[in-house]
Amino acid sequence: MSRAGAQGLMQLMPGTATDLGVADTFAPKENIQGGTAYLDSLLKRYHDNLHLALAAYNAGPAAVDRWHGVPPYRETRLYVARVIREYNRRYLLRHPAQLRAAAR
């Protein structure tokens, strides 16, 4: 459990988990299904803007809406940057032709 109260692999807040129909946040399959459904709903809400969806996953949609973008919270900004950096790193490892094209 996090300091904020998030639970399980996908670090779902109890209220969010309830809204998503996740009965046991510590059951891995249920938690992951809930977390991915939540991320999908955030991507739809923010029109596939990954930065905003990740910020909302971390800080909550209310914070993203209040700040009209990624909130100025250090933890949230670091989280968004870390997830996107890791995604890009893994993507390029799986698609080496993209890496060669980007280097040109």
N, C-alpha and C. Protein backbone atom coordinates (compact mmCIF):
# COMPACT_ATOMS: atom_id res chain seq x y z
N MET A 1 0.85 -1.18 0.00
CA MET A 1 0.00 0.00 0.00
C MET A 1 0.89 1.24 0.00
N SER A 2 0.51 2.24 -0.77
CA SER A 2 1.28 3.48 -0.84
C SER A 2 0.91 4.40 0.32
N ARG A 3 1.69 5.46 0.47
CA ARG A 3 1.38 6.46 1.51
C ARG A 3 -0.01 7.06 1.29
N ALA A 4 -0.40 7.17 0.03
CA ALA A 4 -1.70 7.77 -0.30
C ALA A 4 -2.85 6.76 -0.15
N GLY A 5 -2.51 5.47 0.01
CA GLY A 5 -3.55 4.46 0.17
C GLY A 5 -3.81 3.61 -1.06
N ALA A 6 -3.02 3.81 -2.13
CA ALA A 6 -3.19 3.01 -3.34
C ALA A 6 -2.80 1.56 -3.05
N GLN A 7 -3.51 0.63 -3.70
CA GLN A 7 -3.34 -0.78 -3.37
C GLN A 7 -3.10 -1.65 -4.60
N GLY A 8 -2.32 -2.69 -4.42
CA GLY A 8 -2.12 -3.70 -5.44
C GLY A 8 -1.11 -3.31 -6.51
N LEU A 9 -0.95 -4.21 -7.48
CA LEU A 9 0.04 -4.03 -8.54
C LEU A 9 -0.14 -2.73 -9.32
N MET A 10 -1.37 -2.40 -9.62
CA MET A 10 -1.65 -1.21 -10.42
C MET A 10 -1.87 0.04 -9.55
N GLN A 11 -1.66 -0.12 -8.24
CA GLN A 11 -1.77 0.98 -7.28
C GLN A 11 -3.09 1.73 -7.43
N LEU A 12 -4.18 1.01 -7.29
CA LEU A 12 -5.52 1.60 -7.39
C LEU A 12 -5.93 2.17 -6.04
N MET A 13 -6.50 3.36 -6.07
CA MET A 13 -7.09 3.92 -4.86
C MET A 13 -8.37 3.15 -4.57
N PRO A 14 -8.72 2.95 -3.30
CA PRO A 14 -9.91 2.15 -2.96
C PRO A 14 -11.19 2.63 -3.65
N GLY A 15 -11.43 3.92 -3.70
CA GLY A 15 -12.63 4.44 -4.35
C GLY A 15 -12.64 4.16 -5.84
N THR A 16 -11.50 4.30 -6.48
CA THR A 16 -11.38 4.01 -7.91
C THR A 16 -11.62 2.53 -8.15
N ALA A 17 -11.02 1.70 -7.30
CA ALA A 17 -11.20 0.24 -7.43
C ALA A 17 -12.68 -0.12 -7.32
N THR A 18 -13.36 0.47 -6.37
CA THR A 18 -14.80 0.20 -6.21
C THR A 18 -15.56 0.63 -7.46
N ASP A 19 -15.26 1.83 -7.97
CA ASP A 19 -15.92 2.31 -9.18
C ASP A 19 -15.70 1.37 -10.37
N LEU A 20 -14.53 0.72 -10.39
CA LEU A 20 -14.19 -0.18 -11.49
C LEU A 20 -14.69 -1.60 -11.27
N GLY A 21 -15.29 -1.85 -10.12
CA GLY A 21 -15.80 -3.18 -9.82
C GLY A 21 -14.73 -4.15 -9.33
N VAL A 22 -13.60 -3.61 -8.86
CA VAL A 22 -12.54 -4.46 -8.32
C VAL A 22 -12.85 -4.73 -6.86
N ALA A 23 -13.19 -5.97 -6.55
CA ALA A 23 -13.58 -6.33 -5.19
C ALA A 23 -12.36 -6.54 -4.29
N ASP A 24 -11.29 -7.15 -4.84
CA ASP A 24 -10.09 -7.44 -4.07
C ASP A 24 -8.90 -6.82 -4.77
N THR A 25 -8.45 -5.67 -4.27
CA THR A 25 -7.35 -4.95 -4.93
C THR A 25 -6.03 -5.71 -4.82
N PHE A 26 -5.95 -6.71 -3.96
CA PHE A 26 -4.71 -7.47 -3.81
C PHE A 26 -4.73 -8.78 -4.61
N ALA A 27 -5.81 -9.02 -5.35
CA ALA A 27 -5.85 -10.15 -6.29
C ALA A 27 -5.25 -9.64 -7.60
N PRO A 28 -4.06 -10.14 -7.98
CA PRO A 28 -3.35 -9.58 -9.14
C PRO A 28 -4.18 -9.46 -10.41
N LYS A 29 -4.88 -10.52 -10.80
CA LYS A 29 -5.65 -10.48 -12.05
C LYS A 29 -6.72 -9.39 -12.00
N GLU A 30 -7.43 -9.33 -10.90
CA GLU A 30 -8.51 -8.35 -10.74
C GLU A 30 -7.95 -6.93 -10.73
N ASN A 31 -6.83 -6.74 -10.04
CA ASN A 31 -6.21 -5.42 -9.93
C ASN A 31 -5.71 -4.95 -11.30
N ILE A 32 -5.06 -5.85 -12.03
CA ILE A 32 -4.53 -5.48 -13.36
C ILE A 32 -5.68 -5.19 -14.33
N GLN A 33 -6.73 -5.99 -14.29
CA GLN A 33 -7.88 -5.72 -15.16
C GLN A 33 -8.49 -4.36 -14.83
N GLY A 34 -8.62 -4.06 -13.54
CA GLY A 34 -9.15 -2.76 -13.14
C GLY A 34 -8.24 -1.62 -13.55
N GLY A 35 -6.95 -1.79 -13.32
CA GLY A 35 -5.99 -0.74 -13.66
C GLY A 35 -5.92 -0.46 -15.15
N THR A 36 -5.97 -1.51 -15.96
CA THR A 36 -5.92 -1.29 -17.41
C THR A 36 -7.23 -0.67 -17.92
N ALA A 37 -8.34 -1.07 -17.31
CA ALA A 37 -9.63 -0.45 -17.69
C ALA A 37 -9.62 1.03 -17.31
N TYR A 38 -9.05 1.34 -16.16
CA TYR A 38 -8.97 2.74 -15.72
C TYR A 38 -8.09 3.55 -16.66
N LEU A 39 -6.92 3.01 -17.02
CA LEU A 39 -6.04 3.72 -17.94
C LEU A 39 -6.73 3.92 -19.29
N ASP A 40 -7.43 2.91 -19.75
CA ASP A 40 -8.17 3.03 -21.01
C ASP A 40 -9.21 4.15 -20.93
N SER A 41 -9.92 4.23 -19.80
CA SER A 41 -10.93 5.29 -19.65
C SER A 41 -10.28 6.67 -19.61
N LEU A 42 -9.10 6.75 -19.02
CA LEU A 42 -8.39 8.04 -18.98
C LEU A 42 -7.88 8.43 -20.36
N LEU A 43 -7.41 7.46 -21.14
CA LEU A 43 -6.99 7.75 -22.52
C LEU A 43 -8.16 8.26 -23.35
N LYS A 44 -9.34 7.67 -23.15
CA LYS A 44 -10.53 8.15 -23.86
C LYS A 44 -10.90 9.56 -23.39
N ARG A 45 -10.88 9.78 -22.10
CA ARG A 45 -11.25 11.08 -21.53
C ARG A 45 -10.35 12.20 -22.05
N TYR A 46 -9.05 11.88 -22.18
CA TYR A 46 -8.08 12.89 -22.60
C TYR A 46 -7.68 12.72 -24.07
N HIS A 47 -8.56 12.10 -24.86
CA HIS A 47 -8.41 11.99 -26.32
C HIS A 47 -7.04 11.44 -26.72
N ASP A 48 -6.66 10.33 -26.07
CA ASP A 48 -5.41 9.62 -26.36
C ASP A 48 -4.14 10.43 -26.07
N ASN A 49 -4.27 11.47 -25.26
CA ASN A 49 -3.08 12.22 -24.83
C ASN A 49 -2.45 11.44 -23.68
N LEU A 50 -1.36 10.74 -24.00
CA LEU A 50 -0.73 9.86 -23.02
C LEU A 50 -0.21 10.62 -21.81
N HIS A 51 0.35 11.80 -22.02
CA HIS A 51 0.85 12.60 -20.90
C HIS A 51 -0.27 12.90 -19.90
N LEU A 52 -1.41 13.34 -20.41
CA LEU A 52 -2.53 13.68 -19.52
C LEU A 52 -3.13 12.44 -18.86
N ALA A 53 -3.25 11.35 -19.62
CA ALA A 53 -3.80 10.12 -19.04
C ALA A 53 -2.90 9.60 -17.93
N LEU A 54 -1.60 9.60 -18.13
CA LEU A 54 -0.67 9.15 -17.09
C LEU A 54 -0.69 10.08 -15.88
N ALA A 55 -0.77 11.37 -16.14
CA ALA A 55 -0.83 12.33 -15.03
C ALA A 55 -2.11 12.10 -14.21
N ALA A 56 -3.22 11.84 -14.90
CA ALA A 56 -4.48 11.58 -14.20
C ALA A 56 -4.42 10.26 -13.45
N TYR A 57 -3.75 9.27 -13.99
CA TYR A 57 -3.61 7.99 -13.30
C TYR A 57 -2.83 8.19 -12.00
N ASN A 58 -1.85 9.07 -12.05
CA ASN A 58 -1.00 9.30 -10.88
C ASN A 58 -1.60 10.28 -9.88
N ALA A 59 -2.09 11.40 -10.36
CA ALA A 59 -2.55 12.48 -9.46
C ALA A 59 -4.06 12.59 -9.38
N GLY A 60 -4.75 11.89 -10.27
CA GLY A 60 -6.20 11.96 -10.32
C GLY A 60 -6.69 12.92 -11.40
N PRO A 61 -7.80 12.58 -12.03
CA PRO A 61 -8.35 13.43 -13.09
C PRO A 61 -8.69 14.84 -12.61
N ALA A 62 -9.10 14.98 -11.37
CA ALA A 62 -9.45 16.32 -10.87
C ALA A 62 -8.25 17.25 -10.90
N ALA A 63 -7.07 16.72 -10.59
CA ALA A 63 -5.86 17.56 -10.61
C ALA A 63 -5.51 17.96 -12.04
N VAL A 64 -5.62 17.03 -12.98
CA VAL A 64 -5.33 17.35 -14.38
C VAL A 64 -6.32 18.39 -14.90
N ASP A 65 -7.58 18.24 -14.55
CA ASP A 65 -8.60 19.20 -14.98
C ASP A 65 -8.38 20.56 -14.32
N ARG A 66 -8.03 20.56 -13.05
CA ARG A 66 -7.82 21.81 -12.32
C ARG A 66 -6.65 22.61 -12.92
N TRP A 67 -5.57 21.91 -13.28
CA TRP A 67 -4.37 22.57 -13.81
C TRP A 67 -4.39 22.67 -15.33
N HIS A 68 -5.43 22.15 -15.97
CA HIS A 68 -5.54 22.17 -17.45
C HIS A 68 -4.30 21.55 -18.09
N GLY A 69 -3.84 20.46 -17.51
CA GLY A 69 -2.66 19.77 -18.02
C GLY A 69 -2.01 18.98 -16.90
N VAL A 70 -0.77 18.60 -17.13
CA VAL A 70 -0.04 17.85 -16.11
C VAL A 70 0.17 18.78 -14.91
N PRO A 71 -0.27 18.37 -13.73
CA PRO A 71 -0.14 19.23 -12.55
C PRO A 71 1.33 19.47 -12.20
N PRO A 72 1.61 20.55 -11.52
CA PRO A 72 3.01 20.89 -11.19
C PRO A 72 3.55 20.12 -9.99
N TYR A 73 3.06 18.92 -9.79
CA TYR A 73 3.53 18.10 -8.68
C TYR A 73 4.78 17.34 -9.13
N ARG A 74 5.83 17.44 -8.35
CA ARG A 74 7.10 16.80 -8.71
C ARG A 74 6.90 15.30 -8.96
N GLU A 75 6.21 14.63 -8.04
CA GLU A 75 6.01 13.18 -8.18
C GLU A 75 5.30 12.84 -9.49
N THR A 76 4.29 13.60 -9.83
CA THR A 76 3.52 13.33 -11.05
C THR A 76 4.35 13.59 -12.29
N ARG A 77 5.08 14.68 -12.32
CA ARG A 77 5.92 14.99 -13.49
C ARG A 77 7.00 13.93 -13.68
N LEU A 78 7.60 13.49 -12.59
CA LEU A 78 8.62 12.43 -12.68
C LEU A 78 8.00 11.11 -13.14
N TYR A 79 6.81 10.81 -12.64
CA TYR A 79 6.11 9.58 -13.02
C TYR A 79 5.81 9.57 -14.52
N VAL A 80 5.24 10.64 -15.02
CA VAL A 80 4.89 10.72 -16.45
C VAL A 80 6.16 10.57 -17.30
N ALA A 81 7.21 11.29 -16.95
CA ALA A 81 8.46 11.22 -17.71
C ALA A 81 9.05 9.82 -17.66
N ARG A 82 9.04 9.19 -16.48
CA ARG A 82 9.63 7.86 -16.32
C ARG A 82 8.86 6.82 -17.14
N VAL A 83 7.54 6.86 -17.10
CA VAL A 83 6.74 5.87 -17.84
C VAL A 83 6.94 6.04 -19.35
N ILE A 84 6.92 7.27 -19.83
CA ILE A 84 7.09 7.50 -21.27
C ILE A 84 8.50 7.14 -21.72
N ARG A 85 9.50 7.48 -20.92
CA ARG A 85 10.89 7.13 -21.25
C ARG A 85 11.05 5.61 -21.33
N GLU A 86 10.50 4.90 -20.36
CA GLU A 86 10.62 3.44 -20.35
C GLU A 86 9.85 2.82 -21.51
N TYR A 87 8.69 3.34 -21.82
CA TYR A 87 7.92 2.84 -22.97
C TYR A 87 8.74 3.02 -24.25
N ASN A 88 9.28 4.22 -24.45
CA ASN A 88 10.06 4.49 -25.66
C ASN A 88 11.29 3.60 -25.73
N ARG A 89 11.96 3.38 -24.61
CA ARG A 89 13.15 2.52 -24.59
C ARG A 89 12.78 1.11 -25.01
N ARG A 90 11.71 0.57 -24.44
CA ARG A 90 11.29 -0.79 -24.77
C ARG A 90 10.78 -0.89 -26.20
N TYR A 91 10.10 0.12 -26.68
CA TYR A 91 9.60 0.13 -28.05
C TYR A 91 10.77 0.06 -29.03
N LEU A 92 11.77 0.88 -28.80
CA LEU A 92 12.91 0.92 -29.71
C LEU A 92 13.72 -0.38 -29.67
N LEU A 93 13.76 -1.04 -28.53
CA LEU A 93 14.44 -2.34 -28.46
C LEU A 93 13.73 -3.39 -29.31
N ARG A 94 12.41 -3.28 -29.38
CA ARG A 94 11.63 -4.25 -30.14
C ARG A 94 11.51 -3.87 -31.62
N HIS A 95 11.79 -2.63 -31.94
CA HIS A 95 11.67 -2.15 -33.32
C HIS A 95 12.98 -1.44 -33.72
N PRO A 96 14.05 -2.20 -33.91
CA PRO A 96 15.36 -1.57 -34.19
C PRO A 96 15.38 -0.73 -35.46
N ALA A 97 14.53 -1.02 -36.42
CA ALA A 97 14.49 -0.21 -37.65
C ALA A 97 14.07 1.22 -37.32
N GLN A 98 13.18 1.38 -36.35
CA GLN A 98 12.75 2.72 -35.93
C GLN A 98 13.93 3.48 -35.33
N LEU A 99 14.77 2.79 -34.59
CA LEU A 99 15.93 3.41 -33.97
C LEU A 99 16.90 3.89 -35.05
N ARG A 100 17.13 3.07 -36.06
CA ARG A 100 18.03 3.48 -37.15
C ARG A 100 17.46 4.68 -37.90
N ALA A 101 16.16 4.68 -38.14
CA ALA A 101 15.51 5.81 -38.85
C ALA A 101 15.59 7.08 -38.02
N ALA A 102 15.43 6.98 -36.73
CA ALA A 102 15.49 8.15 -35.86
C ALA A 102 16.90 8.72 -35.79
N ALA A 103 17.91 7.89 -36.00
CA ALA A 103 19.29 8.35 -35.92
C ALA A 103 19.72 9.09 -37.17
N ARG A 104 18.96 8.97 -38.22
CA ARG A 104 19.34 9.65 -39.50
C ARG A 104 19.05 11.10 -39.48
